Amino acid sequence: MNQQLLAKTFVELADNLVADFDLIDFLRLLTDRCVGMLGAGAAGVLLADRDGKLRVMAASDEQVRLLELFQLQNDEGPCLECFRTGAPVIVPDLTRELDRWPRFVTAAHRSGFGAVQALPMRLRDEVVGALNLFRATPGPFDPAATLIAQALADVATISLLQQRTTHRSTVLNEQLQTALNSRVLIEQAKGKLAERQNIDMEQAFTALRGYARSHNRRLVDVARAFINGSEPLVGLGA
């Protein structure tokens, strides 16, 4: 494991007390680093909105995003159970849980996943969501990697709750609601760019995110500008 990258990740997840804090990019960083450092095949983050309903806020790729949505739509799966109990749900072999989550297990296998672990994003009694790591092959998870993943989830949770404490008690819910609205714009922009450039949805997201970062702009602002054509965005998707 790249110890330098791990240390950098903890700093990045903790250092979010800025005026232009981008929640979606923050959570995507969390999923990307879990895949890049911990050997997960894919990762996703579910967060509760102001009504306590879970929403898909970040995913390392399009396939796992759709699987997370499937969980929510069918109200079934390890990630929901993790959020509701506030405890980790570790499933080394999904085939053994067919009776427990029949629809989710079937969908996960169709998506190429054979194992999953869902880790709570919580601080003491407050659970804000779940970090979910998927793997293609069944088998036990590395305990050391699981501890690191939980630590990353904990740091991200503390950062999110610190945002709320620093400003006022409702800011986290407001951020989540704003992020949900932003997510709609980003999905629309992904679809439009994918069709225009004849690329897949993940490549489209990478292009939008890369453009936003290289131009020091918020991802949602780039997505909005691309959708309404208000500016040229030279080089996007090139």
C-alpha atoms as a PDB file:
ATOM      1  CA  MET A   1       0.000   0.000   0.000  1.00  0.00           C
ATOM      2  CA  ASN A   2       1.214   3.501  -0.839  1.00  0.00           C
ATOM      3  CA  GLN A   3       1.720   5.007   2.617  1.00  0.00           C
ATOM      4  CA  GLN A   4       2.318   8.482   1.212  1.00  0.00           C
ATOM      5  CA  LEU A   5      -0.941   8.411  -0.723  1.00  0.00           C
ATOM      6  CA  LEU A   6      -2.768   7.098   2.341  1.00  0.00           C
ATOM      7  CA  ALA A   7      -1.480   9.962   4.472  1.00  0.00           C
ATOM      8  CA  LYS A   8      -2.396  12.449   1.737  1.00  0.00           C
ATOM      9  CA  THR A   9      -5.901  10.997   1.564  1.00  0.00           C
ATOM     10  CA  PHE A  10      -6.491  11.472   5.277  1.00  0.00           C
ATOM     11  CA  VAL A  11      -5.361  15.092   4.966  1.00  0.00           C
ATOM     12  CA  GLU A  12      -7.600  15.690   1.941  1.00  0.00           C
ATOM     13  CA  LEU A  13     -10.625  14.214   3.690  1.00  0.00           C
ATOM     14  CA  ALA A  14      -9.999  16.281   6.810  1.00  0.00           C
ATOM     15  CA  ASP A  15      -9.210  19.558   5.044  1.00  0.00           C
ATOM     16  CA  ASN A  16     -12.638  20.648   3.844  1.00  0.00           C
ATOM     17  CA  LEU A  17     -13.390  23.753   5.898  1.00  0.00           C
ATOM     18  CA  VAL A  18     -13.486  26.035   2.873  1.00  0.00           C
ATOM     19  CA  ALA A  19     -16.192  28.264   1.488  1.00  0.00           C
ATOM     20  CA  ASP A  20     -16.466  26.423  -1.833  1.00  0.00           C
ATOM     21  CA  PHE A  21     -16.526  22.906  -0.329  1.00  0.00           C
ATOM     22  CA  ASP A  22     -17.666  20.519  -3.070  1.00  0.00           C
ATOM     23  CA  LEU A  23     -19.461  17.616  -1.391  1.00  0.00           C
ATOM     24  CA  ILE A  24     -19.754  15.453  -4.500  1.00  0.00           C
ATOM     25  CA  ASP A  25     -16.076  15.763  -5.385  1.00  0.00           C
ATOM     26  CA  PHE A  26     -15.180  15.118  -1.728  1.00  0.00           C
ATOM     27  CA  LEU A  27     -17.140  11.857  -1.663  1.00  0.00           C
ATOM     28  CA  ARG A  28     -15.886  10.772  -5.072  1.00  0.00           C
ATOM     29  CA  LEU A  29     -12.346  11.176  -3.719  1.00  0.00           C
ATOM     30  CA  LEU A  30     -13.281   8.802  -0.898  1.00  0.00           C
ATOM     31  CA  THR A  31     -14.566   6.119  -3.284  1.00  0.00           C
ATOM     32  CA  ASP A  32     -11.664   6.483  -5.711  1.00  0.00           C
ATOM     33  CA  ARG A  33      -9.067   6.126  -2.994  1.00  0.00           C
ATOM     34  CA  CYS A  34     -10.771   3.045  -1.541  1.00  0.00           C
ATOM     35  CA  VAL A  35     -10.529   1.406  -4.944  1.00  0.00           C
ATOM     36  CA  GLY A  36      -7.013   2.630  -5.641  1.00  0.00           C
ATOM     37  CA  MET A  37      -5.460   1.798  -2.265  1.00  0.00           C
ATOM     38  CA  LEU A  38      -7.515  -0.961  -0.673  1.00  0.00           C
ATOM     39  CA  GLY A  39      -8.065  -3.395  -3.515  1.00  0.00           C
ATOM     40  CA  ALA A  40     -11.824  -2.910  -3.784  1.00  0.00           C
ATOM     41  CA  GLY A  41     -13.282  -3.512  -7.218  1.00  0.00           C
ATOM     42  CA  ALA A  42     -15.686  -0.619  -6.772  1.00  0.00           C
ATOM     43  CA  ALA A  43     -16.983   1.655  -4.035  1.00  0.00           C
ATOM     44  CA  GLY A  44     -20.042   3.760  -3.357  1.00  0.00           C
ATOM     45  CA  VAL A  45     -21.315   6.198  -0.751  1.00  0.00           C
ATOM     46  CA  LEU A  46     -24.901   6.520   0.433  1.00  0.00           C
ATOM     47  CA  LEU A  47     -25.901   9.525   2.547  1.00  0.00           C
ATOM     48  CA  ALA A  48     -29.181  10.384   4.217  1.00  0.00           C
ATOM     49  CA  ASP A  49     -31.043  13.471   3.020  1.00  0.00           C
ATOM     50  CA  ARG A  50     -32.968  15.892   5.226  1.00  0.00           C
ATOM     51  CA  ASP A  51     -35.832  13.381   5.502  1.00  0.00           C
ATOM     52  CA  GLY A  52     -33.538  10.534   6.538  1.00  0.00           C
ATOM     53  CA  LYS A  53     -33.810   8.773   3.172  1.00  0.00           C
ATOM     54  CA  LEU A  54     -30.628   7.321   1.710  1.00  0.00           C
ATOM     55  CA  ARG A  55     -29.349   8.684  -1.579  1.00  0.00           C
ATOM     56  CA  VAL A  56     -26.493   7.620  -3.834  1.00  0.00           C
ATOM     57  CA  MET A  57     -24.002  10.454  -3.523  1.00  0.00           C
ATOM     58  CA  ALA A  58     -20.846   8.976  -5.039  1.00  0.00           C
ATOM     59  CA  ALA A  59     -19.686   5.861  -6.862  1.00  0.00           C
ATOM     60  CA  SER A  60     -16.357   4.854  -8.313  1.00  0.00           C
ATOM     61  CA  ASP A  61     -18.022   3.758 -11.554  1.00  0.00           C
ATOM     62  CA  GLU A  62     -21.382   3.709 -13.282  1.00  0.00           C
ATOM     63  CA  GLN A  63     -22.011   0.018 -12.671  1.00  0.00           C
ATOM     64  CA  VAL A  64     -21.840   0.300  -8.902  1.00  0.00           C
ATOM     65  CA  ARG A  65     -23.896   3.501  -8.969  1.00  0.00           C
ATOM     66  CA  LEU A  66     -26.712   1.600 -10.651  1.00  0.00           C
ATOM     67  CA  LEU A  67     -26.373  -1.265  -8.151  1.00  0.00           C
ATOM     68  CA  GLU A  68     -26.602   1.183  -5.246  1.00  0.00           C
ATOM     69  CA  LEU A  69     -29.725   2.681  -6.812  1.00  0.00           C
ATOM     70  CA  PHE A  70     -31.142  -0.827  -7.150  1.00  0.00           C
ATOM     71  CA  GLN A  71     -30.655  -1.360  -3.407  1.00  0.00           C
ATOM     72  CA  LEU A  72     -32.549   1.803  -2.587  1.00  0.00           C
ATOM     73  CA  GLN A  73     -35.356   1.124  -5.044  1.00  0.00           C
ATOM     74  CA  ASN A  74     -35.858  -2.382  -3.662  1.00  0.00           C
ATOM     75  CA  ASP A  75     -35.222  -1.439  -0.015  1.00  0.00           C
ATOM     76  CA  GLU A  76     -32.885  -4.398   0.315  1.00  0.00           C
ATOM     77  CA  GLY A  77     -29.164  -4.946   0.724  1.00  0.00           C
ATOM     78  CA  PRO A  78     -26.150  -4.749   3.026  1.00  0.00           C
ATOM     79  CA  CYS A  79     -25.671  -1.007   2.646  1.00  0.00           C
ATOM     80  CA  LEU A  80     -29.180  -0.238   3.889  1.00  0.00           C
ATOM     81  CA  GLU A  81     -28.729  -2.649   6.770  1.00  0.00           C
ATOM     82  CA  CYS A  82     -25.438  -1.000   7.683  1.00  0.00           C
ATOM     83  CA  PHE A  83     -27.047   2.441   7.753  1.00  0.00           C
ATOM     84  CA  ARG A  84     -30.022   1.292   9.814  1.00  0.00           C
ATOM     85  CA  THR A  85     -27.972  -0.582  12.411  1.00  0.00           C
ATOM     86  CA  GLY A  86     -24.915   1.671  12.447  1.00  0.00           C
ATOM     87  CA  ALA A  87     -22.738  -1.444  12.351  1.00  0.00           C
ATOM     88  CA  PRO A  88     -20.488  -2.893   9.619  1.00  0.00           C
ATOM     89  CA  VAL A  89     -22.027  -5.540   7.364  1.00  0.00           C
ATOM     90  CA  ILE A  90     -19.314  -7.760   5.892  1.00  0.00           C
ATOM     91  CA  VAL A  91     -20.294 -10.375   3.321  1.00  0.00           C
ATOM     92  CA  PRO A  92     -17.352 -12.410   1.965  1.00  0.00           C
ATOM     93  CA  ASP A  93     -19.628 -14.518  -0.270  1.00  0.00           C
ATOM     94  CA  LEU A  94     -22.884 -13.094  -1.564  1.00  0.00           C
ATOM     95  CA  THR A  95     -24.125 -16.495  -2.732  1.00  0.00           C
ATOM     96  CA  ARG A  96     -24.668 -17.411   0.920  1.00  0.00           C
ATOM     97  CA  GLU A  97     -27.013 -14.446   1.412  1.00  0.00           C
ATOM     98  CA  LEU A  98     -29.508 -15.225  -1.337  1.00  0.00           C
ATOM     99  CA  ASP A  99     -32.303 -15.856   1.185  1.00  0.00           C
ATOM    100  CA  ARG A 100     -31.434 -12.671   3.047  1.00  0.00           C
ATOM    101  CA  TRP A 101     -31.363 -10.281   0.049  1.00  0.00           C
ATOM    102  CA  PRO A 102     -32.630 -12.247  -2.974  1.00  0.00           C
ATOM    103  CA  ARG A 103     -33.050  -9.329  -5.360  1.00  0.00           C
ATOM    104  CA  PHE A 104     -29.841  -7.562  -4.361  1.00  0.00           C
ATOM    105  CA  VAL A 105     -27.694 -10.706  -4.570  1.00  0.00           C
ATOM    106  CA  THR A 106     -29.043 -11.477  -8.030  1.00  0.00           C
ATOM    107  CA  ALA A 107     -28.400  -7.929  -9.211  1.00  0.00           C
ATOM    108  CA  ALA A 108     -24.904  -7.889  -7.674  1.00  0.00           C
ATOM    109  CA  HIS A 109     -23.970 -11.090  -9.486  1.00  0.00           C
ATOM    110  CA  ARG A 110     -25.259  -9.653 -12.756  1.00  0.00           C
ATOM    111  CA  SER A 111     -22.994  -6.674 -12.132  1.00  0.00           C
ATOM    112  CA  GLY A 112     -20.018  -8.953 -11.515  1.00  0.00           C
ATOM    113  CA  PHE A 113     -19.704  -8.658  -7.733  1.00  0.00           C
ATOM    114  CA  GLY A 114     -19.274 -11.621  -5.395  1.00  0.00           C
ATOM    115  CA  ALA A 115     -18.467  -9.930  -2.077  1.00  0.00           C
ATOM    116  CA  VAL A 116     -19.293  -6.660  -0.330  1.00  0.00           C
ATOM    117  CA  GLN A 117     -18.623  -4.862   2.882  1.00  0.00           C
ATOM    118  CA  ALA A 118     -20.694  -1.898   4.065  1.00  0.00           C
ATOM    119  CA  LEU A 119     -19.108   0.372   6.648  1.00  0.00           C
ATOM    120  CA  PRO A 120     -21.062   2.964   8.638  1.00  0.00           C
ATOM    121  CA  MET A 121     -20.341   6.647   8.334  1.00  0.00           C
ATOM    122  CA  ARG A 122     -21.077   7.548  11.923  1.00  0.00           C
ATOM    123  CA  LEU A 123     -19.886   9.559  14.886  1.00  0.00           C
ATOM    124  CA  ARG A 124     -21.083   8.209  18.221  1.00  0.00           C
ATOM    125  CA  ASP A 125     -24.901   7.888  17.847  1.00  0.00           C
ATOM    126  CA  GLU A 126     -25.198   9.842  14.616  1.00  0.00           C
ATOM    127  CA  VAL A 127     -25.164   7.825  11.385  1.00  0.00           C
ATOM    128  CA  VAL A 128     -25.081   9.898   8.203  1.00  0.00           C
ATOM    129  CA  GLY A 129     -24.578   7.143   5.638  1.00  0.00           C
ATOM    130  CA  ALA A 130     -22.534   4.147   4.557  1.00  0.00           C
ATOM    131  CA  LEU A 131     -19.338   3.488   2.613  1.00  0.00           C
ATOM    132  CA  ASN A 132     -19.705   0.371   0.486  1.00  0.00           C
ATOM    133  CA  LEU A 133     -16.843  -1.649  -0.989  1.00  0.00           C
ATOM    134  CA  PHE A 134     -17.475  -4.281  -3.655  1.00  0.00           C
ATOM    135  CA  ARG A 135     -15.221  -7.053  -4.932  1.00  0.00           C
ATOM    136  CA  ALA A 136     -15.633  -9.420  -7.866  1.00  0.00           C
ATOM    137  CA  THR A 137     -14.394 -12.619  -6.226  1.00  0.00           C
ATOM    138  CA  PRO A 138     -15.757 -14.141  -2.998  1.00  0.00           C
ATOM    139  CA  GLY A 139     -13.413 -14.607  -0.072  1.00  0.00           C
ATOM    140  CA  PRO A 140     -12.458 -13.027   3.242  1.00  0.00           C
ATOM    141  CA  PHE A 141     -11.655  -9.338   3.355  1.00  0.00           C
ATOM    142  CA  ASP A 142      -8.236  -8.194   4.522  1.00  0.00           C
ATOM    143  CA  PRO A 143      -8.773  -7.049   8.149  1.00  0.00           C
ATOM    144  CA  ALA A 144      -6.088  -4.357   7.832  1.00  0.00           C
ATOM    145  CA  ALA A 145      -7.718  -2.914   4.700  1.00  0.00           C
ATOM    146  CA  THR A 146     -11.107  -2.976   6.425  1.00  0.00           C
ATOM    147  CA  LEU A 147      -9.707  -1.004   9.356  1.00  0.00           C
ATOM    148  CA  ILE A 148      -8.258   1.579   6.992  1.00  0.00           C
ATOM    149  CA  ALA A 149     -11.530   1.831   5.050  1.00  0.00           C
ATOM    150  CA  GLN A 150     -13.446   2.380   8.288  1.00  0.00           C
ATOM    151  CA  ALA A 151     -10.903   5.006   9.336  1.00  0.00           C
ATOM    152  CA  LEU A 152     -11.379   6.819   6.018  1.00  0.00           C
ATOM    153  CA  ALA A 153     -15.151   6.667   6.485  1.00  0.00           C
ATOM    154  CA  ASP A 154     -14.767   8.009  10.029  1.00  0.00           C
ATOM    155  CA  VAL A 155     -12.589  10.926   8.923  1.00  0.00           C
ATOM    156  CA  ALA A 156     -15.026  11.766   6.134  1.00  0.00           C
ATOM    157  CA  THR A 157     -17.924  11.649   8.603  1.00  0.00           C
ATOM    158  CA  ILE A 158     -16.152  13.913  11.073  1.00  0.00           C
ATOM    159  CA  SER A 159     -15.434  16.362   8.265  1.00  0.00           C
ATOM    160  CA  LEU A 160     -19.070  16.390   7.180  1.00  0.00           C
ATOM    161  CA  LEU A 161     -20.304  16.897  10.726  1.00  0.00           C
ATOM    162  CA  GLN A 162     -17.633  19.538  11.350  1.00  0.00           C
ATOM    163  CA  GLN A 163     -19.029  21.472   8.416  1.00  0.00           C
ATOM    164  CA  ARG A 164     -22.387  21.454  10.140  1.00  0.00           C
ATOM    165  CA  THR A 165     -21.001  22.442  13.535  1.00  0.00           C
ATOM    166  CA  THR A 166     -18.876  25.229  12.118  1.00  0.00           C
ATOM    167  CA  HIS A 167     -21.802  26.955  10.487  1.00  0.00           C
ATOM    168  CA  ARG A 168     -25.172  26.034  11.931  1.00  0.00           C
ATOM    169  CA  SER A 169     -27.103  22.932  12.820  1.00  0.00           C
ATOM    170  CA  THR A 170     -28.869  22.554   9.470  1.00  0.00           C
ATOM    171  CA  VAL A 171     -25.923  23.049   7.128  1.00  0.00           C
ATOM    172  CA  LEU A 172     -25.213  19.347   6.535  1.00  0.00           C
ATOM    173  CA  ASN A 173     -28.792  18.694   5.439  1.00  0.00           C
ATOM    174  CA  GLU A 174     -28.661  21.773   3.248  1.00  0.00           C
ATOM    175  CA  GLN A 175     -25.397  20.595   1.715  1.00  0.00           C
ATOM    176  CA  LEU A 176     -26.838  17.160   1.052  1.00  0.00           C
ATOM    177  CA  GLN A 177     -29.942  18.618  -0.560  1.00  0.00           C
ATOM    178  CA  THR A 178     -27.836  20.948  -2.695  1.00  0.00           C
ATOM    179  CA  ALA A 179     -25.610  18.026  -3.640  1.00  0.00           C
ATOM    180  CA  LEU A 180     -28.656  15.979  -4.629  1.00  0.00           C
ATOM    181  CA  ASN A 181     -29.791  18.778  -6.914  1.00  0.00           C
ATOM    182  CA  SER A 182     -26.261  19.090  -8.276  1.00  0.00           C
ATOM    183  CA  ARG A 183     -26.143  15.361  -8.897  1.00  0.00           C
ATOM    184  CA  VAL A 184     -29.117  15.657 -11.255  1.00  0.00           C
ATOM    185  CA  LEU A 185     -27.295  18.301 -13.304  1.00  0.00           C
ATOM    186  CA  ILE A 186     -24.119  16.234 -13.377  1.00  0.00           C
ATOM    187  CA  GLU A 187     -25.971  13.116 -14.540  1.00  0.00           C
ATOM    188  CA  GLN A 188     -27.603  15.141 -17.315  1.00  0.00           C
ATOM    189  CA  ALA A 189     -24.241  16.540 -18.378  1.00  0.00           C
ATOM    190  CA  LYS A 190     -22.683  13.053 -18.313  1.00  0.00           C
ATOM    191  CA  GLY A 191     -25.389  11.734 -20.605  1.00  0.00           C
ATOM    192  CA  LYS A 192     -25.132  14.648 -23.003  1.00  0.00           C
ATOM    193  CA  LEU A 193     -21.325  14.486 -23.190  1.00  0.00           C
ATOM    194  CA  ALA A 194     -21.322  10.688 -23.538  1.00  0.00           C
ATOM    195  CA  GLU A 195     -23.711  10.908 -26.480  1.00  0.00           C
ATOM    196  CA  ARG A 196     -21.873  13.792 -28.117  1.00  0.00           C
ATOM    197  CA  GLN A 197     -18.405  12.236 -27.781  1.00  0.00           C
ATOM    198  CA  ASN A 198     -19.535   8.602 -28.226  1.00  0.00           C
ATOM    199  CA  ILE A 199     -17.982   7.609 -24.888  1.00  0.00           C
ATOM    200  CA  ASP A 200     -19.352   5.785 -21.852  1.00  0.00           C
ATOM    201  CA  MET A 201     -20.824   7.477 -18.792  1.00  0.00           C
ATOM    202  CA  GLU A 202     -17.748   6.948 -16.615  1.00  0.00           C
ATOM    203  CA  GLN A 203     -15.478   8.509 -19.229  1.00  0.00           C
ATOM    204  CA  ALA A 204     -17.884  11.428 -19.460  1.00  0.00           C
ATOM    205  CA  PHE A 205     -17.780  11.959 -15.700  1.00  0.00           C
ATOM    206  CA  THR A 206     -13.977  11.788 -15.706  1.00  0.00           C
ATOM    207  CA  ALA A 207     -13.850  14.419 -18.449  1.00  0.00           C
ATOM    208  CA  LEU A 208     -16.207  16.764 -16.599  1.00  0.00           C
ATOM    209  CA  ARG A 209     -14.369  16.304 -13.326  1.00  0.00           C
ATOM    210  CA  GLY A 210     -10.981  16.764 -14.966  1.00  0.00           C
ATOM    211  CA  TYR A 211     -12.099  19.965 -16.656  1.00  0.00           C
ATOM    212  CA  ALA A 212     -13.486  21.337 -13.396  1.00  0.00           C
ATOM    213  CA  ARG A 213     -10.282  20.588 -11.503  1.00  0.00           C
ATOM    214  CA  SER A 214      -7.928  21.899 -14.177  1.00  0.00           C
ATOM    215  CA  HIS A 215      -9.906  25.149 -14.359  1.00  0.00           C
ATOM    216  CA  ASN A 216     -10.395  25.430 -10.583  1.00  0.00           C
ATOM    217  CA  ARG A 217     -14.185  25.325 -10.893  1.00  0.00           C
ATOM    218  CA  ARG A 218     -16.955  23.443  -9.174  1.00  0.00           C
ATOM    219  CA  LEU A 219     -18.076  20.311 -10.966  1.00  0.00           C
ATOM    220  CA  VAL A 220     -21.741  21.356 -10.901  1.00  0.00           C
ATOM    221  CA  ASP A 221     -20.925  24.734 -12.480  1.00  0.00           C
ATOM    222  CA  VAL A 222     -19.128  23.031 -15.360  1.00  0.00           C
ATOM    223  CA  ALA A 223     -22.052  20.607 -15.772  1.00  0.00           C
ATOM    224  CA  ARG A 224     -24.573  23.462 -15.809  1.00  0.00           C
ATOM    225  CA  ALA A 225     -22.558  25.460 -18.340  1.00  0.00           C
ATOM    226  CA  PHE A 226     -22.220  22.426 -20.598  1.00  0.00           C
ATOM    227  CA  ILE A 227     -25.946  21.642 -20.469  1.00  0.00           C
ATOM    228  CA  ASN A 228     -27.171  25.155 -21.238  1.00  0.00           C
ATOM    229  CA  GLY A 229     -24.307  25.998 -23.615  1.00  0.00           C
ATOM    230  CA  SER A 230     -23.605  29.280 -21.860  1.00  0.00           C
ATOM    231  CA  GLU A 231     -19.848  29.070 -22.514  1.00  0.00           C
ATOM    232  CA  PRO A 232     -17.590  27.113 -24.905  1.00  0.00           C
ATOM    233  CA  LEU A 233     -15.674  24.928 -22.355  1.00  0.00           C
ATOM    234  CA  VAL A 234     -12.828  24.480 -24.813  1.00  0.00           C
ATOM    235  CA  GLY A 235     -11.118  21.107 -24.487  1.00  0.00           C
ATOM    236  CA  LEU A 236     -13.884  19.339 -22.605  1.00  0.00           C
ATOM    237  CA  GLY A 237     -14.001  15.713 -23.704  1.00  0.00           C
ATOM    238  CA  ALA A 238     -11.030  16.119 -25.998  1.00  0.00           C
END
